[in-house]
Amino acid sequence: MHVLIIGAAGMIGRKFLDRISAEPDVLGQEIDKLTLVDVVAPTAPPEFESITSSQAADLADAGVAARLIATRPDLIIHLAAVVSGEAEMDFEKGYRVNLEGTQALLEAIRLEGRNAPYKPRLVYASSIAVYGAPFAPTISDDFALYPLTSYGTQKAIGELLLADYSRKGFLEGIGIRLPTICIRPGKPNKAASGFFSNILREPLVGQEAVLPVDENVRHWFTSPRSAVGFFVHASTMDLGPVGPRINLSMPGLSATVGEEIEALRRVAGDDTVKLIRRVPDPAIQAIVAGWATNFEGRRARELGFTAETDFDDIIRAHIEDELEGRVGG
């Protein structure tokens, strides 16, 4: 099986590679070719080095999508995106990467299929940002998409394109609406939701973190471990039971910032919590106010997707996966 991962240098891409390296049969077939693409060349896992092509490329550049699809990958994981805060600040870049790049990929698949039969599985990373206020207390699987950010709009359009190209039989598509991933490893990025991770990740290693919103702000979360599980399951599952509504809101857990902090206190103690500094940011507060806070996720769970149900477990997963089980500087 030939696997193409677009956005492979990002957090989910790296952890997806870790998962298939640790469990070579997790995708149900032997991987005999692996193509990794990002704006910086991704690092190939040692286990797959001999069969990996690692490339620095921008999917939105002319000819890039066609060149990648000409190799006819069987499974395509599309993770590349300009994140929410950056997409809001740089309108043109957001639409170029999040929409034009996705459309170029879908069109390349369609055109490749005109040469000879070709119908790959495409797993598309979407977001709960496709929803906009006013919200119901719990967002059902039937809730309409009315995004209130550029990022959410770009992802919603991508979902519609994915569904249409799938309906026409050009590919087997499934869209994964990710909750906010917490705790994200590494350094802070430009995502408006980044502080949800920052206020846990930095204190866990003895560093100060800034909280830009009130503690009563509620949000929808999952861990990196569960997020990777979503993409593994979407890569291998039978799509027949999914039906035509192929974009799914993933399971997760709803928690306030205050509940995050109390979970941190239970897992890591009072001294860790004291490293959180409150600095209100009206711009971040305005963006976050336009996001949904709780989801039903019934369809995804019925289709076999799973996630944590306790925030303490999310923090413990980070400590196990990123900190070798240790807390502190």
C-alpha atoms as a PDB file:
ATOM      1  CA  MET A   1       0.000   0.000   0.000  1.00  0.00           C
ATOM      2  CA  HIS A   2       1.207   3.484  -0.909  1.00  0.00           C
ATOM      3  CA  VAL A   3       0.398   6.086   1.783  1.00  0.00           C
ATOM      4  CA  LEU A   4       0.611   9.839   1.119  1.00  0.00           C
ATOM      5  CA  ILE A   5       0.574  12.169   4.134  1.00  0.00           C
ATOM      6  CA  ILE A   6       0.174  15.869   3.344  1.00  0.00           C
ATOM      7  CA  GLY A   7       1.158  18.027   6.301  1.00  0.00           C
ATOM      8  CA  ALA A   8       3.337  15.226   7.659  1.00  0.00           C
ATOM      9  CA  ALA A   9       5.678  17.557   9.566  1.00  0.00           C
ATOM     10  CA  GLY A  10       2.849  18.789  11.799  1.00  0.00           C
ATOM     11  CA  MET A  11       1.931  17.350  15.157  1.00  0.00           C
ATOM     12  CA  ILE A  12      -0.717  14.873  13.984  1.00  0.00           C
ATOM     13  CA  GLY A  13       1.427  13.844  11.030  1.00  0.00           C
ATOM     14  CA  ARG A  14       4.404  13.061  13.249  1.00  0.00           C
ATOM     15  CA  LYS A  15       2.306  11.131  15.733  1.00  0.00           C
ATOM     16  CA  PHE A  16       0.535   9.234  12.947  1.00  0.00           C
ATOM     17  CA  LEU A  17       3.986   8.164  11.720  1.00  0.00           C
ATOM     18  CA  ASP A  18       4.923   7.137  15.261  1.00  0.00           C
ATOM     19  CA  ARG A  19       1.786   5.002  15.432  1.00  0.00           C
ATOM     20  CA  ILE A  20       2.320   3.159  12.156  1.00  0.00           C
ATOM     21  CA  SER A  21       5.997   2.698  13.029  1.00  0.00           C
ATOM     22  CA  ALA A  22       5.087   1.104  16.348  1.00  0.00           C
ATOM     23  CA  GLU A  23       2.238  -0.914  14.804  1.00  0.00           C
ATOM     24  CA  PRO A  24       3.171  -1.685  11.165  1.00  0.00           C
ATOM     25  CA  ASP A  25      -0.056  -3.624  10.576  1.00  0.00           C
ATOM     26  CA  VAL A  26      -2.390  -1.012  12.077  1.00  0.00           C
ATOM     27  CA  LEU A  27      -3.621   0.093   8.620  1.00  0.00           C
ATOM     28  CA  GLY A  28      -4.546  -3.465   7.702  1.00  0.00           C
ATOM     29  CA  GLN A  29      -2.037  -3.716   4.851  1.00  0.00           C
ATOM     30  CA  GLU A  30       1.720  -3.628   4.539  1.00  0.00           C
ATOM     31  CA  ILE A  31       3.037  -0.187   3.586  1.00  0.00           C
ATOM     32  CA  ASP A  32       5.416  -0.576   0.653  1.00  0.00           C
ATOM     33  CA  LYS A  33       5.668   3.129  -0.213  1.00  0.00           C
ATOM     34  CA  LEU A  34       5.358   6.229   1.973  1.00  0.00           C
ATOM     35  CA  THR A  35       5.273   9.801   0.641  1.00  0.00           C
ATOM     36  CA  LEU A  36       5.587  12.623   3.164  1.00  0.00           C
ATOM     37  CA  VAL A  37       4.900  16.219   2.150  1.00  0.00           C
ATOM     38  CA  ASP A  38       4.922  19.538   3.990  1.00  0.00           C
ATOM     39  CA  VAL A  39       6.221  23.073   3.468  1.00  0.00           C
ATOM     40  CA  VAL A  40       9.397  21.798   5.166  1.00  0.00           C
ATOM     41  CA  ALA A  41      10.602  18.307   4.308  1.00  0.00           C
ATOM     42  CA  PRO A  42       9.280  15.872   6.956  1.00  0.00           C
ATOM     43  CA  THR A  43      11.597  13.399   8.653  1.00  0.00           C
ATOM     44  CA  ALA A  44      11.117   9.808   7.571  1.00  0.00           C
ATOM     45  CA  PRO A  45      10.708   7.237  10.356  1.00  0.00           C
ATOM     46  CA  PRO A  46      13.739   4.915  10.523  1.00  0.00           C
ATOM     47  CA  GLU A  47      11.442   1.918  10.061  1.00  0.00           C
ATOM     48  CA  PHE A  48      10.264   3.257   6.689  1.00  0.00           C
ATOM     49  CA  GLU A  49      13.358   5.121   5.529  1.00  0.00           C
ATOM     50  CA  SER A  50      14.065   2.812   2.600  1.00  0.00           C
ATOM     51  CA  ILE A  51      10.561   3.227   1.153  1.00  0.00           C
ATOM     52  CA  THR A  52       9.945   6.899   2.000  1.00  0.00           C
ATOM     53  CA  SER A  53       9.968   9.940  -0.258  1.00  0.00           C
ATOM     54  CA  SER A  54      10.113  13.099   1.866  1.00  0.00           C
ATOM     55  CA  GLN A  55       9.353  16.336   0.044  1.00  0.00           C
ATOM     56  CA  ALA A  56       9.114  20.049   0.781  1.00  0.00           C
ATOM     57  CA  ALA A  57       6.175  21.338  -1.264  1.00  0.00           C
ATOM     58  CA  ASP A  58       3.120  23.575  -1.077  1.00  0.00           C
ATOM     59  CA  LEU A  59      -0.029  21.787  -2.215  1.00  0.00           C
ATOM     60  CA  ALA A  60      -1.454  25.065  -3.515  1.00  0.00           C
ATOM     61  CA  ASP A  61       1.472  25.628  -5.914  1.00  0.00           C
ATOM     62  CA  ALA A  62       0.753  24.867  -9.564  1.00  0.00           C
ATOM     63  CA  GLY A  63       1.443  21.262 -10.481  1.00  0.00           C
ATOM     64  CA  VAL A  64       2.255  19.974  -6.989  1.00  0.00           C
ATOM     65  CA  ALA A  65      -1.003  18.088  -6.413  1.00  0.00           C
ATOM     66  CA  ALA A  66      -0.915  16.539  -9.895  1.00  0.00           C
ATOM     67  CA  ARG A  67       2.681  15.379  -9.372  1.00  0.00           C
ATOM     68  CA  LEU A  68       1.844  13.757  -6.030  1.00  0.00           C
ATOM     69  CA  ILE A  69      -1.289  12.036  -7.307  1.00  0.00           C
ATOM     70  CA  ALA A  70       0.458  10.782 -10.454  1.00  0.00           C
ATOM     71  CA  THR A  71       2.135   8.217  -8.161  1.00  0.00           C
ATOM     72  CA  ARG A  72      -1.360   6.887  -7.331  1.00  0.00           C
ATOM     73  CA  PRO A  73      -1.297   6.615  -3.539  1.00  0.00           C
ATOM     74  CA  ASP A  74      -3.878   4.229  -2.104  1.00  0.00           C
ATOM     75  CA  LEU A  75      -4.411   6.218   1.107  1.00  0.00           C
ATOM     76  CA  ILE A  76      -4.131  10.005   1.391  1.00  0.00           C
ATOM     77  CA  ILE A  77      -4.112  11.739   4.780  1.00  0.00           C
ATOM     78  CA  HIS A  78      -4.675  15.482   4.239  1.00  0.00           C
ATOM     79  CA  LEU A  79      -3.552  17.363   7.350  1.00  0.00           C
ATOM     80  CA  ALA A  80      -2.014  20.514   5.881  1.00  0.00           C
ATOM     81  CA  ALA A  81      -3.636  23.777   7.020  1.00  0.00           C
ATOM     82  CA  VAL A  82      -3.100  27.348   8.080  1.00  0.00           C
ATOM     83  CA  VAL A  83      -4.424  27.335  11.636  1.00  0.00           C
ATOM     84  CA  SER A  84      -7.309  29.424  12.945  1.00  0.00           C
ATOM     85  CA  GLY A  85      -5.593  32.531  14.298  1.00  0.00           C
ATOM     86  CA  GLU A  86      -3.234  32.832  11.333  1.00  0.00           C
ATOM     87  CA  ALA A  87      -6.060  32.264   8.829  1.00  0.00           C
ATOM     88  CA  GLU A  88      -7.954  35.128  10.474  1.00  0.00           C
ATOM     89  CA  MET A  89      -4.954  37.474  10.341  1.00  0.00           C
ATOM     90  CA  ASP A  90      -3.796  36.530   6.825  1.00  0.00           C
ATOM     91  CA  PHE A  91      -6.951  36.203   4.733  1.00  0.00           C
ATOM     92  CA  GLU A  92      -5.218  35.434   1.433  1.00  0.00           C
ATOM     93  CA  LYS A  93      -2.877  32.808   2.893  1.00  0.00           C
ATOM     94  CA  GLY A  94      -5.742  31.046   4.657  1.00  0.00           C
ATOM     95  CA  TYR A  95      -7.795  30.700   1.490  1.00  0.00           C
ATOM     96  CA  ARG A  96      -4.788  29.736  -0.589  1.00  0.00           C
ATOM     97  CA  VAL A  97      -3.664  26.907   1.681  1.00  0.00           C
ATOM     98  CA  ASN A  98      -6.906  25.738   3.279  1.00  0.00           C
ATOM     99  CA  LEU A  99      -9.151  25.987   0.224  1.00  0.00           C
ATOM    100  CA  GLU A 100      -7.106  26.208  -2.983  1.00  0.00           C
ATOM    101  CA  GLY A 101      -4.694  23.482  -1.880  1.00  0.00           C
ATOM    102  CA  THR A 102      -7.568  21.152  -0.988  1.00  0.00           C
ATOM    103  CA  GLN A 103      -9.371  21.851  -4.239  1.00  0.00           C
ATOM    104  CA  ALA A 104      -6.158  21.224  -6.216  1.00  0.00           C
ATOM    105  CA  LEU A 105      -5.780  17.851  -4.514  1.00  0.00           C
ATOM    106  CA  LEU A 106      -9.353  16.778  -5.225  1.00  0.00           C
ATOM    107  CA  GLU A 107      -9.130  17.874  -8.828  1.00  0.00           C
ATOM    108  CA  ALA A 108      -5.819  16.057  -9.312  1.00  0.00           C
ATOM    109  CA  ILE A 109      -7.463  12.851  -8.082  1.00  0.00           C
ATOM    110  CA  ARG A 110     -10.389  13.323 -10.467  1.00  0.00           C
ATOM    111  CA  LEU A 111      -8.146  13.929 -13.460  1.00  0.00           C
ATOM    112  CA  GLU A 112      -5.848  11.010 -12.628  1.00  0.00           C
ATOM    113  CA  GLY A 113      -8.888   8.753 -12.651  1.00  0.00           C
ATOM    114  CA  ARG A 114      -9.593   9.691 -16.263  1.00  0.00           C
ATOM    115  CA  ASN A 115      -6.365   7.991 -17.371  1.00  0.00           C
ATOM    116  CA  ALA A 116      -7.159   4.660 -15.726  1.00  0.00           C
ATOM    117  CA  PRO A 117      -9.454   3.590 -12.874  1.00  0.00           C
ATOM    118  CA  TYR A 118      -8.304   5.218  -9.636  1.00  0.00           C
ATOM    119  CA  LYS A 119     -10.260   5.725  -6.424  1.00  0.00           C
ATOM    120  CA  PRO A 120      -8.095   6.356  -3.334  1.00  0.00           C
ATOM    121  CA  ARG A 121      -9.213   6.718   0.287  1.00  0.00           C
ATOM    122  CA  LEU A 122      -8.870  10.387   1.324  1.00  0.00           C
ATOM    123  CA  VAL A 123      -9.057  11.292   5.016  1.00  0.00           C
ATOM    124  CA  TYR A 124      -9.531  15.046   5.413  1.00  0.00           C
ATOM    125  CA  ALA A 125      -8.732  16.957   8.596  1.00  0.00           C
ATOM    126  CA  SER A 126     -11.556  19.385   9.322  1.00  0.00           C
ATOM    127  CA  SER A 127     -12.485  21.239  12.498  1.00  0.00           C
ATOM    128  CA  ILE A 128     -15.315  22.105  14.866  1.00  0.00           C
ATOM    129  CA  ALA A 129     -14.697  25.681  13.652  1.00  0.00           C
ATOM    130  CA  VAL A 130     -17.172  24.879  10.828  1.00  0.00           C
ATOM    131  CA  TYR A 131     -19.921  25.658  13.363  1.00  0.00           C
ATOM    132  CA  GLY A 132     -20.948  29.127  14.440  1.00  0.00           C
ATOM    133  CA  ALA A 133     -23.123  30.793  17.060  1.00  0.00           C
ATOM    134  CA  PRO A 134     -25.848  30.809  18.230  1.00  0.00           C
ATOM    135  CA  PHE A 135     -25.322  27.292  19.536  1.00  0.00           C
ATOM    136  CA  ALA A 136     -27.561  24.725  21.133  1.00  0.00           C
ATOM    137  CA  PRO A 137     -26.325  23.502  24.542  1.00  0.00           C
ATOM    138  CA  THR A 138     -25.129  20.359  22.765  1.00  0.00           C
ATOM    139  CA  ILE A 139     -24.363  20.345  19.033  1.00  0.00           C
ATOM    140  CA  SER A 140     -26.115  17.447  17.352  1.00  0.00           C
ATOM    141  CA  ASP A 141     -24.871  15.717  14.223  1.00  0.00           C
ATOM    142  CA  ASP A 142     -27.578  17.583  12.291  1.00  0.00           C
ATOM    143  CA  PHE A 143     -26.556  21.095  13.390  1.00  0.00           C
ATOM    144  CA  ALA A 144     -26.092  23.438  10.406  1.00  0.00           C
ATOM    145  CA  LEU A 145     -22.676  24.801   9.429  1.00  0.00           C
ATOM    146  CA  TYR A 146     -22.493  28.581   9.892  1.00  0.00           C
ATOM    147  CA  PRO A 147     -18.819  29.311  10.622  1.00  0.00           C
ATOM    148  CA  LEU A 148     -17.872  32.695  12.068  1.00  0.00           C
ATOM    149  CA  THR A 149     -14.173  32.633  11.176  1.00  0.00           C
ATOM    150  CA  SER A 150     -12.252  32.460   7.910  1.00  0.00           C
ATOM    151  CA  TYR A 151     -10.662  29.187   9.004  1.00  0.00           C
ATOM    152  CA  GLY A 152     -14.055  27.648   9.735  1.00  0.00           C
ATOM    153  CA  THR A 153     -15.399  28.852   6.398  1.00  0.00           C
ATOM    154  CA  GLN A 154     -12.432  27.375   4.526  1.00  0.00           C
ATOM    155  CA  LYS A 155     -12.834  24.036   6.276  1.00  0.00           C
ATOM    156  CA  ALA A 156     -16.589  23.977   5.659  1.00  0.00           C
ATOM    157  CA  ILE A 157     -16.065  24.564   1.932  1.00  0.00           C
ATOM    158  CA  GLY A 158     -13.461  21.799   1.944  1.00  0.00           C
ATOM    159  CA  GLU A 159     -15.992  19.451   3.535  1.00  0.00           C
ATOM    160  CA  LEU A 160     -18.561  20.223   0.840  1.00  0.00           C
ATOM    161  CA  LEU A 161     -16.025  19.627  -1.920  1.00  0.00           C
ATOM    162  CA  LEU A 162     -14.926  16.350  -0.342  1.00  0.00           C
ATOM    163  CA  ALA A 163     -18.539  15.178  -0.145  1.00  0.00           C
ATOM    164  CA  ASP A 164     -19.259  16.117  -3.758  1.00  0.00           C
ATOM    165  CA  TYR A 165     -16.138  14.489  -5.199  1.00  0.00           C
ATOM    166  CA  SER A 166     -16.953  11.385  -3.147  1.00  0.00           C
ATOM    167  CA  ARG A 167     -20.583  11.404  -4.300  1.00  0.00           C
ATOM    168  CA  LYS A 168     -19.391  11.493  -7.895  1.00  0.00           C
ATOM    169  CA  GLY A 169     -17.216   8.428  -7.290  1.00  0.00           C
ATOM    170  CA  PHE A 170     -13.828  10.087  -7.816  1.00  0.00           C
ATOM    171  CA  LEU A 171     -12.564   8.997  -4.383  1.00  0.00           C
ATOM    172  CA  GLU A 172     -13.520   7.467  -1.045  1.00  0.00           C
ATOM    173  CA  GLY A 173     -13.634  10.480   1.237  1.00  0.00           C
ATOM    174  CA  ILE A 174     -14.163  10.910   4.951  1.00  0.00           C
ATOM    175  CA  GLY A 175     -13.882  14.194   6.844  1.00  0.00           C
ATOM    176  CA  ILE A 176     -12.724  14.298  10.472  1.00  0.00           C
ATOM    177  CA  ARG A 177     -13.965  17.333  12.429  1.00  0.00           C
ATOM    178  CA  LEU A 178     -11.355  17.520  15.129  1.00  0.00           C
ATOM    179  CA  PRO A 179     -12.029  18.867  18.597  1.00  0.00           C
ATOM    180  CA  THR A 180      -9.319  21.165  19.940  1.00  0.00           C
ATOM    181  CA  ILE A 181      -6.321  18.924  20.529  1.00  0.00           C
ATOM    182  CA  CYS A 182      -4.961  19.167  24.020  1.00  0.00           C
ATOM    183  CA  ILE A 183      -2.250  18.954  25.146  1.00  0.00           C
ATOM    184  CA  ARG A 184      -0.387  19.791  21.937  1.00  0.00           C
ATOM    185  CA  PRO A 185       3.320  18.945  22.279  1.00  0.00           C
ATOM    186  CA  GLY A 186       6.097  21.266  21.175  1.00  0.00           C
ATOM    187  CA  LYS A 187       6.009  25.036  21.167  1.00  0.00           C
ATOM    188  CA  PRO A 188       3.010  27.414  21.018  1.00  0.00           C
ATOM    189  CA  ASN A 189       1.657  28.008  17.500  1.00  0.00           C
ATOM    190  CA  LYS A 190      -0.609  30.682  16.007  1.00  0.00           C
ATOM    191  CA  ALA A 191      -3.849  28.824  16.631  1.00  0.00           C
ATOM    192  CA  ALA A 192      -6.356  30.904  18.577  1.00  0.00           C
ATOM    193  CA  SER A 193      -7.029  27.785  20.651  1.00  0.00           C
ATOM    194  CA  GLY A 194      -3.362  27.338  21.545  1.00  0.00           C
ATOM    195  CA  PHE A 195      -3.720  28.648  25.093  1.00  0.00           C
ATOM    196  CA  PHE A 196      -5.846  25.614  26.038  1.00  0.00           C
ATOM    197  CA  SER A 197      -2.669  23.550  25.687  1.00  0.00           C
ATOM    198  CA  ASN A 198      -0.214  26.221  26.781  1.00  0.00           C
ATOM    199  CA  ILE A 199      -1.690  26.583  30.273  1.00  0.00           C
ATOM    200  CA  LEU A 200      -1.047  22.881  30.861  1.00  0.00           C
ATOM    201  CA  ARG A 201       2.048  22.093  28.791  1.00  0.00           C
ATOM    202  CA  GLU A 202       4.350  24.856  30.029  1.00  0.00           C
ATOM    203  CA  PRO A 203       3.521  24.531  33.757  1.00  0.00           C
ATOM    204  CA  LEU A 204       4.103  20.769  33.528  1.00  0.00           C
ATOM    205  CA  VAL A 205       7.761  21.515  32.694  1.00  0.00           C
ATOM    206  CA  GLY A 206       8.101  24.321  35.238  1.00  0.00           C
ATOM    207  CA  GLN A 207       7.497  27.257  32.875  1.00  0.00           C
ATOM    208  CA  GLU A 208       5.035  30.132  33.099  1.00  0.00           C
ATOM    209  CA  ALA A 209       2.016  30.223  30.770  1.00  0.00           C
ATOM    210  CA  VAL A 210      -0.422  32.992  29.856  1.00  0.00           C
ATOM    211  CA  LEU A 211      -4.197  32.548  30.093  1.00  0.00           C
ATOM    212  CA  PRO A 212      -5.951  35.097  27.818  1.00  0.00           C
ATOM    213  CA  VAL A 213      -9.607  34.209  28.610  1.00  0.00           C
ATOM    214  CA  ASP A 214     -11.860  33.746  31.637  1.00  0.00           C
ATOM    215  CA  GLU A 215     -11.874  30.449  33.495  1.00  0.00           C
ATOM    216  CA  ASN A 216     -15.559  29.927  32.680  1.00  0.00           C
ATOM    217  CA  VAL A 217     -14.785  29.568  28.940  1.00  0.00           C
ATOM    218  CA  ARG A 218     -15.920  26.084  27.895  1.00  0.00           C
ATOM    219  CA  HIS A 219     -14.550  24.110  24.988  1.00  0.00           C
ATOM    220  CA  TRP A 220     -14.440  20.681  23.296  1.00  0.00           C
ATOM    221  CA  PHE A 221     -11.237  18.627  23.594  1.00  0.00           C
ATOM    222  CA  THR A 222      -9.429  15.454  22.697  1.00  0.00           C
ATOM    223  CA  SER A 223      -5.842  14.301  23.128  1.00  0.00           C
ATOM    224  CA  PRO A 224      -3.227  13.865  20.370  1.00  0.00           C
ATOM    225  CA  ARG A 225      -3.353  10.141  21.139  1.00  0.00           C
ATOM    226  CA  SER A 226      -7.079   9.999  20.371  1.00  0.00           C
ATOM    227  CA  ALA A 227      -6.747  12.288  17.332  1.00  0.00           C
ATOM    228  CA  VAL A 228      -4.266   9.898  15.746  1.00  0.00           C
ATOM    229  CA  GLY A 229      -6.684   7.084  16.524  1.00  0.00           C
ATOM    230  CA  PHE A 230      -9.376   8.942  14.568  1.00  0.00           C
ATOM    231  CA  PHE A 231      -7.198   9.014  11.444  1.00  0.00           C
ATOM    232  CA  VAL A 232      -6.130   5.395  11.802  1.00  0.00           C
ATOM    233  CA  HIS A 233      -9.759   4.287  12.142  1.00  0.00           C
ATOM    234  CA  ALA A 234     -10.899   6.506   9.248  1.00  0.00           C
ATOM    235  CA  SER A 235      -8.156   5.003   7.080  1.00  0.00           C
ATOM    236  CA  THR A 236      -9.320   1.438   7.601  1.00  0.00           C
ATOM    237  CA  MET A 237     -13.043   1.464   8.371  1.00  0.00           C
ATOM    238  CA  ASP A 238     -15.826   0.323   6.093  1.00  0.00           C
ATOM    239  CA  LEU A 239     -17.335   3.522   4.704  1.00  0.00           C
ATOM    240  CA  GLY A 240     -20.588   1.852   3.715  1.00  0.00           C
ATOM    241  CA  PRO A 241     -22.339   2.523   7.054  1.00  0.00           C
ATOM    242  CA  VAL A 242     -21.224   6.180   6.963  1.00  0.00           C
ATOM    243  CA  GLY A 243     -23.543   6.962   4.054  1.00  0.00           C
ATOM    244  CA  PRO A 244     -23.447  10.254   2.121  1.00  0.00           C
ATOM    245  CA  ARG A 245     -22.855  12.458   5.178  1.00  0.00           C
ATOM    246  CA  ILE A 246     -19.153  11.717   5.237  1.00  0.00           C
ATOM    247  CA  ASN A 247     -17.975  14.618   7.428  1.00  0.00           C
ATOM    248  CA  LEU A 248     -18.146  13.556  11.064  1.00  0.00           C
ATOM    249  CA  SER A 249     -17.797  15.444  14.345  1.00  0.00           C
ATOM    250  CA  MET A 250     -15.391  13.415  16.454  1.00  0.00           C
ATOM    251  CA  PRO A 251     -16.018  12.401  20.064  1.00  0.00           C
ATOM    252  CA  GLY A 252     -14.313  14.337  22.838  1.00  0.00           C
ATOM    253  CA  LEU A 253     -15.028  15.918  26.183  1.00  0.00           C
ATOM    254  CA  SER A 254     -16.424  19.303  27.160  1.00  0.00           C
ATOM    255  CA  ALA A 255     -14.589  21.234  29.884  1.00  0.00           C
ATOM    256  CA  THR A 256     -14.118  24.788  31.109  1.00  0.00           C
ATOM    257  CA  VAL A 257     -10.723  26.408  31.488  1.00  0.00           C
ATOM    258  CA  GLY A 258     -11.308  26.236  35.237  1.00  0.00           C
ATOM    259  CA  GLU A 259     -11.900  22.479  34.990  1.00  0.00           C
ATOM    260  CA  GLU A 260      -8.687  22.148  32.990  1.00  0.00           C
ATOM    261  CA  ILE A 261      -6.819  23.945  35.744  1.00  0.00           C
ATOM    262  CA  GLU A 262      -8.366  21.802  38.476  1.00  0.00           C
ATOM    263  CA  ALA A 263      -7.392  18.662  36.553  1.00  0.00           C
ATOM    264  CA  LEU A 264      -3.849  20.015  36.360  1.00  0.00           C
ATOM    265  CA  ARG A 265      -3.930  20.623  40.100  1.00  0.00           C
ATOM    266  CA  ARG A 266      -5.050  17.026  40.784  1.00  0.00           C
ATOM    267  CA  VAL A 267      -2.407  15.519  38.519  1.00  0.00           C
ATOM    268  CA  ALA A 268       0.559  17.853  39.107  1.00  0.00           C
ATOM    269  CA  GLY A 269      -0.124  19.887  42.263  1.00  0.00           C
ATOM    270  CA  ASP A 270      -0.637  23.501  43.375  1.00  0.00           C
ATOM    271  CA  ASP A 271       2.864  24.718  42.506  1.00  0.00           C
ATOM    272  CA  THR A 272       2.310  23.778  38.867  1.00  0.00           C
ATOM    273  CA  VAL A 273      -0.985  25.676  38.733  1.00  0.00           C
ATOM    274  CA  LYS A 274       0.684  28.806  40.167  1.00  0.00           C
ATOM    275  CA  LEU A 275       2.674  29.130  36.933  1.00  0.00           C
ATOM    276  CA  ILE A 276      -0.487  30.206  35.042  1.00  0.00           C
ATOM    277  CA  ARG A 277      -0.613  34.004  34.595  1.00  0.00           C
ATOM    278  CA  ARG A 278      -3.902  35.745  33.667  1.00  0.00           C
ATOM    279  CA  VAL A 279      -3.481  38.288  30.831  1.00  0.00           C
ATOM    280  CA  PRO A 280      -6.831  38.984  29.071  1.00  0.00           C
ATOM    281  CA  ASP A 281      -6.680  39.230  25.264  1.00  0.00           C
ATOM    282  CA  PRO A 282      -9.878  40.648  23.698  1.00  0.00           C
ATOM    283  CA  ALA A 283      -8.971  39.359  20.207  1.00  0.00           C
ATOM    284  CA  ILE A 284      -8.598  35.763  21.415  1.00  0.00           C
ATOM    285  CA  GLN A 285     -11.716  36.101  23.576  1.00  0.00           C
ATOM    286  CA  ALA A 286     -13.736  37.226  20.542  1.00  0.00           C
ATOM    287  CA  ILE A 287     -12.607  34.285  18.394  1.00  0.00           C
ATOM    288  CA  VAL A 288     -13.205  31.680  21.103  1.00  0.00           C
ATOM    289  CA  ALA A 289     -16.661  33.117  21.818  1.00  0.00           C
ATOM    290  CA  GLY A 290     -17.687  32.023  18.318  1.00  0.00           C
ATOM    291  CA  TRP A 291     -16.925  28.337  18.906  1.00  0.00           C
ATOM    292  CA  ALA A 292     -19.199  25.524  20.007  1.00  0.00           C
ATOM    293  CA  THR A 293     -18.606  24.003  23.441  1.00  0.00           C
ATOM    294  CA  ASN A 294     -20.266  20.586  23.521  1.00  0.00           C
ATOM    295  CA  PHE A 295     -21.048  17.970  20.892  1.00  0.00           C
ATOM    296  CA  GLU A 296     -23.221  14.908  20.731  1.00  0.00           C
ATOM    297  CA  GLY A 297     -20.812  12.893  18.543  1.00  0.00           C
ATOM    298  CA  ARG A 298     -23.276  10.024  18.399  1.00  0.00           C
ATOM    299  CA  ARG A 299     -22.658   9.041  14.773  1.00  0.00           C
ATOM    300  CA  ALA A 300     -18.877   8.967  15.194  1.00  0.00           C
ATOM    301  CA  ARG A 301     -19.088   6.822  18.329  1.00  0.00           C
ATOM    302  CA  GLU A 302     -21.507   4.430  16.650  1.00  0.00           C
ATOM    303  CA  LEU A 303     -19.007   4.138  13.784  1.00  0.00           C
ATOM    304  CA  GLY A 304     -16.217   3.143  16.162  1.00  0.00           C
ATOM    305  CA  PHE A 305     -14.388   6.396  16.956  1.00  0.00           C
ATOM    306  CA  THR A 306     -13.324   6.760  20.609  1.00  0.00           C
ATOM    307  CA  ALA A 307     -11.801   9.449  22.844  1.00  0.00           C
ATOM    308  CA  GLU A 308     -11.142  10.292  26.502  1.00  0.00           C
ATOM    309  CA  THR A 309     -14.035  11.201  28.781  1.00  0.00           C
ATOM    310  CA  ASP A 310     -11.956  12.638  31.679  1.00  0.00           C
ATOM    311  CA  PHE A 311      -9.553  15.596  31.501  1.00  0.00           C
ATOM    312  CA  ASP A 312      -7.189  13.993  34.020  1.00  0.00           C
ATOM    313  CA  ASP A 313      -6.647  11.247  31.416  1.00  0.00           C
ATOM    314  CA  ILE A 314      -5.719  13.838  28.771  1.00  0.00           C
ATOM    315  CA  ILE A 315      -3.062  15.306  31.076  1.00  0.00           C
ATOM    316  CA  ARG A 316      -1.739  11.881  32.039  1.00  0.00           C
ATOM    317  CA  ALA A 317      -1.503  10.883  28.371  1.00  0.00           C
ATOM    318  CA  HIS A 318       0.681  13.936  27.722  1.00  0.00           C
ATOM    319  CA  ILE A 319       2.935  13.143  30.670  1.00  0.00           C
ATOM    320  CA  GLU A 320       3.329   9.548  29.462  1.00  0.00           C
ATOM    321  CA  ASP A 321       3.820  10.350  25.780  1.00  0.00           C
ATOM    322  CA  GLU A 322       5.878  13.551  25.954  1.00  0.00           C
ATOM    323  CA  LEU A 323       7.483  13.842  29.412  1.00  0.00           C
ATOM    324  CA  GLU A 324       8.582  10.252  30.043  1.00  0.00           C
ATOM    325  CA  GLY A 325       6.224  10.161  33.016  1.00  0.00           C
ATOM    326  CA  ARG A 326       7.877  13.084  34.828  1.00  0.00           C
ATOM    327  CA  VAL A 327       6.483  16.485  35.857  1.00  0.00           C
ATOM    328  CA  GLY A 328       8.578  19.602  36.536  1.00  0.00           C
ATOM    329  CA  GLY A 329      11.427  21.607  35.024  1.00  0.00           C
END
